[in-house]
């Protein structure tokens, strides 16, 4: 599993010109599920994400976690994180998990986040989404497990 995590002041998603999800300060997560990924990877990623000290304290140092600031999460499925661009000019997505299994793990990932008293909003799996964000920092981190 791969997660691209962005610290945001706010973020939202539109599908067919209609806003479907919106968060205030927190994290925008792009989740990629690769072939063979399983639920066993989710607990580690969830724990890392909610406890990662990347929000500023009163002295302006990255010393607070998402839980410390009562931040929100916007979770977006992103199969293109497994794009292989090593050959040719068009990416190959053969390392991405099949959509049915990827959607199961995406939903499980969201449920595990929510079990930690985190407000979580979702994109629509497989939809053409327009994601807007106000990146804070910018702070962008890639996690892989």
N, C-alpha and C. Protein backbone atom coordinates (compact mmCIF):
# COMPACT_ATOMS: atom_id res chain seq x y z
N UNK A 1 0.84 -1.18 0.00
CA UNK A 1 0.00 0.00 0.00
C UNK A 1 0.88 1.23 0.00
N UNK A 2 0.41 2.22 -0.71
CA UNK A 2 1.09 3.50 -0.75
C UNK A 2 0.10 4.59 -0.37
N UNK A 3 0.59 5.56 0.42
CA UNK A 3 -0.23 6.70 0.80
C UNK A 3 0.58 7.96 0.53
N UNK A 4 -0.02 8.88 -0.22
CA UNK A 4 0.52 10.23 -0.33
C UNK A 4 -0.33 11.08 0.59
N UNK A 5 0.33 11.66 1.57
CA UNK A 5 -0.33 12.41 2.63
C UNK A 5 0.01 13.89 2.46
N UNK A 6 -0.99 14.73 2.43
CA UNK A 6 -0.75 16.17 2.33
C UNK A 6 -1.43 16.88 3.50
N UNK A 7 -0.65 17.70 4.18
CA UNK A 7 -1.20 18.52 5.26
C UNK A 7 -1.93 19.69 4.60
N UNK A 8 -3.21 19.86 4.98
CA UNK A 8 -4.02 20.88 4.31
C UNK A 8 -4.72 21.79 5.31
N UNK A 9 -4.98 23.00 4.88
CA UNK A 9 -5.85 23.91 5.63
C UNK A 9 -7.31 23.53 5.38
N UNK A 10 -7.59 23.06 4.14
CA UNK A 10 -8.90 22.54 3.77
C UNK A 10 -8.77 21.79 2.46
N UNK A 11 -9.73 20.95 2.18
CA UNK A 11 -9.75 20.19 0.93
C UNK A 11 -11.19 19.79 0.62
N UNK A 12 -11.45 19.60 -0.68
CA UNK A 12 -12.79 19.18 -1.09
C UNK A 12 -12.71 18.39 -2.38
N UNK A 13 -13.80 17.67 -2.66
CA UNK A 13 -13.91 16.87 -3.87
C UNK A 13 -15.24 17.19 -4.54
N UNK A 14 -15.16 17.36 -5.87
CA UNK A 14 -16.36 17.49 -6.69
C UNK A 14 -16.42 16.33 -7.66
N UNK A 15 -17.63 15.84 -7.87
CA UNK A 15 -17.91 14.85 -8.90
C UNK A 15 -19.08 15.39 -9.70
N UNK A 16 -18.92 15.46 -11.01
CA UNK A 16 -19.95 16.02 -11.89
C UNK A 16 -20.38 17.42 -11.43
N UNK A 17 -19.37 18.25 -11.08
CA UNK A 17 -19.58 19.64 -10.67
C UNK A 17 -20.28 19.80 -9.32
N UNK A 18 -20.53 18.68 -8.62
CA UNK A 18 -21.21 18.75 -7.32
C UNK A 18 -20.21 18.39 -6.22
N UNK A 19 -20.12 19.24 -5.19
CA UNK A 19 -19.24 18.95 -4.07
C UNK A 19 -19.80 17.77 -3.27
N UNK A 20 -18.95 16.74 -3.10
CA UNK A 20 -19.41 15.54 -2.39
C UNK A 20 -18.74 15.37 -1.03
N UNK A 21 -17.57 15.98 -0.85
CA UNK A 21 -16.84 15.87 0.41
C UNK A 21 -16.03 17.13 0.64
N UNK A 22 -15.87 17.45 1.93
CA UNK A 22 -15.13 18.66 2.28
C UNK A 22 -14.60 18.51 3.70
N UNK A 23 -13.34 18.90 3.91
CA UNK A 23 -12.77 18.91 5.26
C UNK A 23 -12.15 20.27 5.54
N UNK A 24 -12.00 20.53 6.84
CA UNK A 24 -11.23 21.70 7.27
C UNK A 24 -9.80 21.22 7.50
N UNK A 25 -9.05 21.83 8.38
CA UNK A 25 -7.65 21.49 8.61
C UNK A 25 -7.48 20.00 8.90
N UNK A 26 -6.47 19.43 8.27
CA UNK A 26 -6.19 18.02 8.49
C UNK A 26 -5.31 17.44 7.41
N UNK A 27 -5.69 16.24 6.95
CA UNK A 27 -4.88 15.52 5.97
C UNK A 27 -5.72 15.08 4.78
N UNK A 28 -5.16 15.29 3.60
CA UNK A 28 -5.69 14.72 2.37
C UNK A 28 -4.84 13.49 2.10
N UNK A 29 -5.47 12.33 2.04
CA UNK A 29 -4.76 11.07 1.82
C UNK A 29 -5.14 10.48 0.47
N UNK A 30 -4.14 10.21 -0.34
CA UNK A 30 -4.33 9.46 -1.58
C UNK A 30 -3.83 8.05 -1.30
N UNK A 31 -4.71 7.07 -1.40
CA UNK A 31 -4.39 5.68 -1.07
C UNK A 31 -4.31 4.83 -2.33
N UNK A 32 -3.15 4.20 -2.53
CA UNK A 32 -2.98 3.27 -3.63
C UNK A 32 -2.87 1.86 -3.09
N UNK A 33 -3.61 0.94 -3.69
CA UNK A 33 -3.58 -0.46 -3.28
C UNK A 33 -2.94 -1.27 -4.40
N UNK A 34 -1.87 -1.98 -4.03
CA UNK A 34 -1.14 -2.78 -5.01
C UNK A 34 -1.51 -4.25 -4.94
N UNK A 35 -1.14 -4.98 -5.97
CA UNK A 35 -1.40 -6.42 -6.02
C UNK A 35 -0.82 -7.09 -4.78
N UNK A 36 -1.63 -7.90 -4.13
CA UNK A 36 -1.17 -8.65 -2.97
C UNK A 36 -1.26 -7.90 -1.66
N UNK A 37 -1.64 -6.62 -1.69
CA UNK A 37 -1.80 -5.89 -0.43
C UNK A 37 -2.91 -6.51 0.39
N UNK A 38 -2.81 -6.35 1.72
CA UNK A 38 -3.80 -6.98 2.60
C UNK A 38 -4.12 -6.08 3.78
N UNK A 39 -5.09 -6.50 4.55
CA UNK A 39 -5.51 -5.74 5.73
C UNK A 39 -4.39 -5.61 6.75
N UNK A 40 -3.44 -6.52 6.74
CA UNK A 40 -2.37 -6.48 7.73
C UNK A 40 -1.53 -5.21 7.62
N UNK A 41 -1.52 -4.56 6.49
CA UNK A 41 -0.74 -3.34 6.31
C UNK A 41 -1.49 -2.10 6.83
N UNK A 42 -2.77 -2.22 6.95
CA UNK A 42 -3.61 -1.06 7.27
C UNK A 42 -3.36 -0.54 8.67
N UNK A 43 -3.29 -1.42 9.66
CA UNK A 43 -3.12 -0.97 11.04
C UNK A 43 -1.86 -0.12 11.21
N UNK A 44 -0.75 -0.57 10.62
CA UNK A 44 0.50 0.18 10.72
C UNK A 44 0.35 1.56 10.09
N UNK A 45 -0.22 1.61 8.90
CA UNK A 45 -0.40 2.89 8.21
C UNK A 45 -1.32 3.83 8.97
N UNK A 46 -2.43 3.31 9.46
CA UNK A 46 -3.39 4.14 10.21
C UNK A 46 -2.72 4.71 11.45
N UNK A 47 -2.02 3.88 12.20
CA UNK A 47 -1.34 4.34 13.41
C UNK A 47 -0.31 5.42 13.07
N UNK A 48 0.44 5.20 12.03
CA UNK A 48 1.46 6.17 11.62
C UNK A 48 0.81 7.49 11.23
N UNK A 49 -0.25 7.44 10.44
CA UNK A 49 -0.90 8.65 9.93
C UNK A 49 -1.49 9.50 11.05
N UNK A 50 -2.23 8.88 11.94
CA UNK A 50 -2.92 9.69 12.96
C UNK A 50 -1.98 10.21 14.04
N UNK A 51 -0.81 9.57 14.19
CA UNK A 51 0.13 9.98 15.23
C UNK A 51 1.36 10.73 14.70
N UNK A 52 1.46 10.86 13.39
CA UNK A 52 2.60 11.56 12.79
C UNK A 52 2.59 13.03 13.22
N UNK A 53 3.66 13.48 13.81
CA UNK A 53 3.73 14.85 14.35
C UNK A 53 4.19 15.81 13.26
N UNK A 54 3.22 16.26 12.46
CA UNK A 54 3.54 17.14 11.33
C UNK A 54 2.77 18.45 11.36
N UNK A 55 2.04 18.69 12.46
CA UNK A 55 1.32 19.95 12.61
C UNK A 55 2.08 20.82 13.60
N UNK A 56 2.04 22.12 13.37
CA UNK A 56 2.84 23.05 14.16
C UNK A 56 2.28 23.27 15.56
N UNK A 57 3.20 23.37 16.51
CA UNK A 57 2.84 23.73 17.88
C UNK A 57 2.90 25.25 18.02
N UNK A 58 2.82 25.74 19.24
CA UNK A 58 2.80 27.18 19.51
C UNK A 58 4.11 27.86 19.12
N UNK A 59 5.20 27.11 19.04
CA UNK A 59 6.50 27.65 18.64
C UNK A 59 6.78 27.49 17.15
N UNK A 60 5.79 27.00 16.42
CA UNK A 60 5.96 26.84 14.97
C UNK A 60 6.72 25.59 14.57
N UNK A 61 6.93 24.66 15.49
CA UNK A 61 7.64 23.42 15.18
C UNK A 61 6.64 22.30 14.91
N UNK A 62 7.00 21.41 14.01
CA UNK A 62 6.15 20.25 13.74
C UNK A 62 6.22 19.34 14.95
N UNK A 63 5.21 19.43 15.80
CA UNK A 63 5.24 18.70 17.05
C UNK A 63 3.88 18.15 17.46
N UNK A 64 2.85 18.39 16.63
CA UNK A 64 1.50 17.93 16.96
C UNK A 64 1.01 16.95 15.90
N UNK A 65 0.18 16.02 16.36
CA UNK A 65 -0.40 15.03 15.46
C UNK A 65 -1.80 15.47 15.02
N UNK A 66 -2.35 14.72 14.12
CA UNK A 66 -3.73 14.95 13.67
C UNK A 66 -4.68 14.88 14.86
N UNK A 67 -4.45 13.93 15.75
CA UNK A 67 -5.30 13.79 16.94
C UNK A 67 -5.17 15.01 17.85
N UNK A 68 -3.95 15.55 17.98
CA UNK A 68 -3.71 16.70 18.85
C UNK A 68 -4.48 17.95 18.39
N UNK A 69 -4.63 18.09 17.08
CA UNK A 69 -5.29 19.29 16.55
C UNK A 69 -6.76 19.05 16.22
N UNK A 70 -7.25 17.85 16.50
CA UNK A 70 -8.62 17.47 16.14
C UNK A 70 -8.86 17.68 14.65
N UNK A 71 -7.89 17.23 13.85
CA UNK A 71 -7.95 17.39 12.40
C UNK A 71 -8.84 16.36 11.74
N UNK A 72 -9.14 16.62 10.48
CA UNK A 72 -10.00 15.75 9.68
C UNK A 72 -9.19 15.10 8.56
N UNK A 73 -9.76 14.05 7.98
CA UNK A 73 -9.11 13.34 6.87
C UNK A 73 -10.06 13.27 5.69
N UNK A 74 -9.51 13.53 4.51
CA UNK A 74 -10.21 13.30 3.25
C UNK A 74 -9.46 12.18 2.55
N UNK A 75 -10.11 11.02 2.40
CA UNK A 75 -9.49 9.82 1.85
C UNK A 75 -9.92 9.61 0.40
N UNK A 76 -8.92 9.50 -0.48
CA UNK A 76 -9.17 9.37 -1.91
C UNK A 76 -8.43 8.14 -2.43
N UNK A 77 -9.14 7.26 -3.12
CA UNK A 77 -8.51 6.11 -3.75
C UNK A 77 -7.73 6.58 -4.98
N UNK A 78 -6.50 6.06 -5.13
CA UNK A 78 -5.62 6.55 -6.21
C UNK A 78 -4.80 5.41 -6.78
N UNK A 79 -5.39 4.64 -7.71
CA UNK A 79 -4.68 3.49 -8.27
C UNK A 79 -3.45 3.91 -9.05
N UNK A 80 -3.38 5.15 -9.50
CA UNK A 80 -2.25 5.60 -10.31
C UNK A 80 -0.95 5.70 -9.50
N UNK A 81 -1.03 5.56 -8.18
CA UNK A 81 0.20 5.53 -7.39
C UNK A 81 1.05 4.30 -7.73
N UNK A 82 0.44 3.32 -8.37
CA UNK A 82 1.17 2.13 -8.80
C UNK A 82 1.51 2.15 -10.28
N UNK A 83 1.52 3.32 -10.88
CA UNK A 83 1.87 3.44 -12.30
C UNK A 83 3.33 3.04 -12.52
N UNK A 84 3.56 2.24 -13.54
CA UNK A 84 4.92 1.88 -13.94
C UNK A 84 5.20 2.62 -15.25
N UNK A 85 6.13 3.55 -15.19
CA UNK A 85 6.46 4.37 -16.36
C UNK A 85 7.84 4.03 -16.90
N UNK A 86 8.35 2.87 -16.55
CA UNK A 86 9.72 2.51 -16.94
C UNK A 86 9.86 2.18 -18.42
N UNK A 87 8.78 1.78 -19.07
CA UNK A 87 8.84 1.43 -20.49
C UNK A 87 7.79 2.21 -21.25
N UNK A 88 8.12 2.60 -22.46
CA UNK A 88 7.15 3.28 -23.32
C UNK A 88 6.78 4.65 -22.80
N UNK A 89 5.68 5.16 -23.32
CA UNK A 89 5.23 6.51 -22.99
C UNK A 89 3.88 6.55 -22.29
N UNK A 90 3.31 5.38 -22.10
CA UNK A 90 2.04 5.32 -21.40
C UNK A 90 2.21 4.45 -20.16
N UNK A 91 1.74 4.92 -19.01
CA UNK A 91 1.92 4.15 -17.77
C UNK A 91 1.20 2.81 -17.84
N UNK A 92 1.80 1.84 -17.18
CA UNK A 92 1.17 0.54 -16.99
C UNK A 92 0.67 0.48 -15.55
N UNK A 93 -0.50 -0.09 -15.38
CA UNK A 93 -1.08 -0.19 -14.04
C UNK A 93 -1.24 -1.64 -13.60
N UNK A 94 -0.38 -2.51 -14.11
CA UNK A 94 -0.48 -3.93 -13.79
C UNK A 94 -0.17 -4.23 -12.33
N UNK A 95 0.50 -3.31 -11.63
CA UNK A 95 0.81 -3.53 -10.21
C UNK A 95 -0.31 -3.07 -9.28
N UNK A 96 -1.34 -2.41 -9.83
CA UNK A 96 -2.50 -2.00 -9.04
C UNK A 96 -3.38 -3.21 -8.79
N UNK A 97 -3.98 -3.26 -7.60
CA UNK A 97 -4.89 -4.35 -7.26
C UNK A 97 -6.14 -4.25 -8.11
N UNK A 98 -6.84 -5.37 -8.32
CA UNK A 98 -8.08 -5.33 -9.09
C UNK A 98 -9.08 -4.44 -8.35
N UNK A 99 -9.97 -3.77 -9.08
CA UNK A 99 -10.85 -2.78 -8.46
C UNK A 99 -11.71 -3.31 -7.31
N UNK A 100 -12.23 -4.50 -7.43
CA UNK A 100 -13.10 -5.03 -6.37
C UNK A 100 -12.34 -5.17 -5.05
N UNK A 101 -11.17 -5.78 -5.11
CA UNK A 101 -10.35 -5.97 -3.91
C UNK A 101 -9.82 -4.63 -3.39
N UNK A 102 -9.40 -3.76 -4.29
CA UNK A 102 -8.90 -2.44 -3.90
C UNK A 102 -9.98 -1.65 -3.17
N UNK A 103 -11.21 -1.73 -3.65
CA UNK A 103 -12.31 -1.01 -3.00
C UNK A 103 -12.57 -1.56 -1.60
N UNK A 104 -12.49 -2.88 -1.44
CA UNK A 104 -12.65 -3.49 -0.10
C UNK A 104 -11.62 -2.93 0.87
N UNK A 105 -10.35 -2.88 0.44
CA UNK A 105 -9.28 -2.41 1.31
C UNK A 105 -9.40 -0.90 1.56
N UNK A 106 -9.85 -0.16 0.56
CA UNK A 106 -10.10 1.28 0.71
C UNK A 106 -11.15 1.52 1.80
N UNK A 107 -12.23 0.76 1.76
CA UNK A 107 -13.29 0.90 2.77
C UNK A 107 -12.78 0.50 4.15
N UNK A 108 -12.03 -0.58 4.22
CA UNK A 108 -11.46 -1.02 5.49
C UNK A 108 -10.51 0.03 6.05
N UNK A 109 -9.70 0.61 5.20
CA UNK A 109 -8.77 1.67 5.61
C UNK A 109 -9.55 2.82 6.25
N UNK A 110 -10.61 3.25 5.62
CA UNK A 110 -11.44 4.33 6.15
C UNK A 110 -12.08 3.97 7.48
N UNK A 111 -12.58 2.74 7.59
CA UNK A 111 -13.19 2.29 8.85
C UNK A 111 -12.18 2.28 10.00
N UNK A 112 -10.97 1.84 9.70
CA UNK A 112 -9.93 1.79 10.74
C UNK A 112 -9.54 3.20 11.17
N UNK A 113 -9.49 4.14 10.24
CA UNK A 113 -9.23 5.53 10.62
C UNK A 113 -10.34 6.04 11.53
N UNK A 114 -11.58 5.78 11.14
CA UNK A 114 -12.73 6.27 11.91
C UNK A 114 -12.77 5.68 13.32
N UNK A 115 -12.26 4.47 13.51
CA UNK A 115 -12.23 3.83 14.83
C UNK A 115 -11.34 4.58 15.81
N UNK A 116 -10.55 5.52 15.31
CA UNK A 116 -9.64 6.30 16.15
C UNK A 116 -10.19 7.69 16.44
N UNK A 117 -11.50 7.82 16.37
CA UNK A 117 -12.17 9.10 16.64
C UNK A 117 -11.68 10.22 15.74
N UNK A 118 -11.47 9.88 14.48
CA UNK A 118 -11.06 10.85 13.47
C UNK A 118 -12.23 11.09 12.54
N UNK A 119 -12.53 12.35 12.26
CA UNK A 119 -13.55 12.66 11.27
C UNK A 119 -12.96 12.36 9.90
N UNK A 120 -13.65 11.50 9.15
CA UNK A 120 -13.15 11.10 7.84
C UNK A 120 -14.23 11.30 6.80
N UNK A 121 -13.82 11.85 5.68
CA UNK A 121 -14.69 12.04 4.52
C UNK A 121 -14.05 11.27 3.37
N UNK A 122 -14.85 10.96 2.37
CA UNK A 122 -14.39 10.09 1.30
C UNK A 122 -14.59 10.69 -0.08
N UNK A 123 -13.74 10.23 -0.98
CA UNK A 123 -14.01 10.39 -2.40
C UNK A 123 -14.89 9.23 -2.82
N UNK A 124 -15.20 9.16 -4.10
CA UNK A 124 -15.99 8.04 -4.63
C UNK A 124 -15.06 7.13 -5.41
N UNK A 125 -14.96 5.90 -4.95
CA UNK A 125 -14.06 4.93 -5.58
C UNK A 125 -14.37 4.82 -7.07
N UNK A 126 -13.36 5.00 -7.89
CA UNK A 126 -13.48 4.82 -9.33
C UNK A 126 -14.08 6.00 -10.08
N UNK A 127 -14.49 7.04 -9.38
CA UNK A 127 -15.11 8.19 -10.04
C UNK A 127 -14.04 9.15 -10.56
N UNK A 128 -14.44 9.96 -11.53
CA UNK A 128 -13.60 11.06 -12.01
C UNK A 128 -13.83 12.22 -11.05
N UNK A 129 -12.86 12.44 -10.16
CA UNK A 129 -13.01 13.43 -9.10
C UNK A 129 -12.14 14.65 -9.38
N UNK A 130 -12.63 15.79 -8.96
CA UNK A 130 -11.87 17.03 -9.00
C UNK A 130 -11.54 17.38 -7.55
N UNK A 131 -10.26 17.27 -7.21
CA UNK A 131 -9.82 17.48 -5.83
C UNK A 131 -9.22 18.87 -5.71
N UNK A 132 -9.72 19.64 -4.76
CA UNK A 132 -9.19 20.97 -4.47
C UNK A 132 -8.61 20.96 -3.07
N UNK A 133 -7.50 21.67 -2.90
CA UNK A 133 -6.90 21.73 -1.58
C UNK A 133 -6.09 23.00 -1.40
N UNK A 134 -5.98 23.40 -0.16
CA UNK A 134 -5.07 24.46 0.21
C UNK A 134 -3.98 23.77 1.03
N UNK A 135 -2.86 23.47 0.36
CA UNK A 135 -1.76 22.75 0.99
C UNK A 135 -1.14 23.63 2.05
N UNK A 136 -0.86 23.07 3.19
CA UNK A 136 -0.32 23.81 4.33
C UNK A 136 1.16 23.48 4.48
N UNK A 137 2.00 24.39 4.07
CA UNK A 137 3.44 24.20 4.23
C UNK A 137 4.25 24.58 3.00
N UNK A 138 4.22 23.83 1.95
CA UNK A 138 3.53 22.55 1.78
C UNK A 138 4.23 21.42 2.54
N UNK A 139 3.41 20.50 3.03
CA UNK A 139 3.92 19.29 3.65
C UNK A 139 3.28 18.12 2.91
N UNK A 140 4.11 17.34 2.23
CA UNK A 140 3.67 16.16 1.50
C UNK A 140 4.59 15.02 1.86
N UNK A 141 4.03 13.90 2.30
CA UNK A 141 4.80 12.76 2.77
C UNK A 141 4.28 11.50 2.08
N UNK A 142 5.19 10.63 1.69
CA UNK A 142 4.82 9.35 1.08
C UNK A 142 5.10 8.24 2.09
N UNK A 143 4.09 7.44 2.35
CA UNK A 143 4.22 6.28 3.23
C UNK A 143 3.97 5.03 2.41
N UNK A 144 4.74 4.00 2.68
CA UNK A 144 4.55 2.74 1.96
C UNK A 144 4.74 1.60 2.94
N UNK A 145 3.87 0.61 2.82
CA UNK A 145 3.95 -0.54 3.70
C UNK A 145 3.58 -1.78 2.94
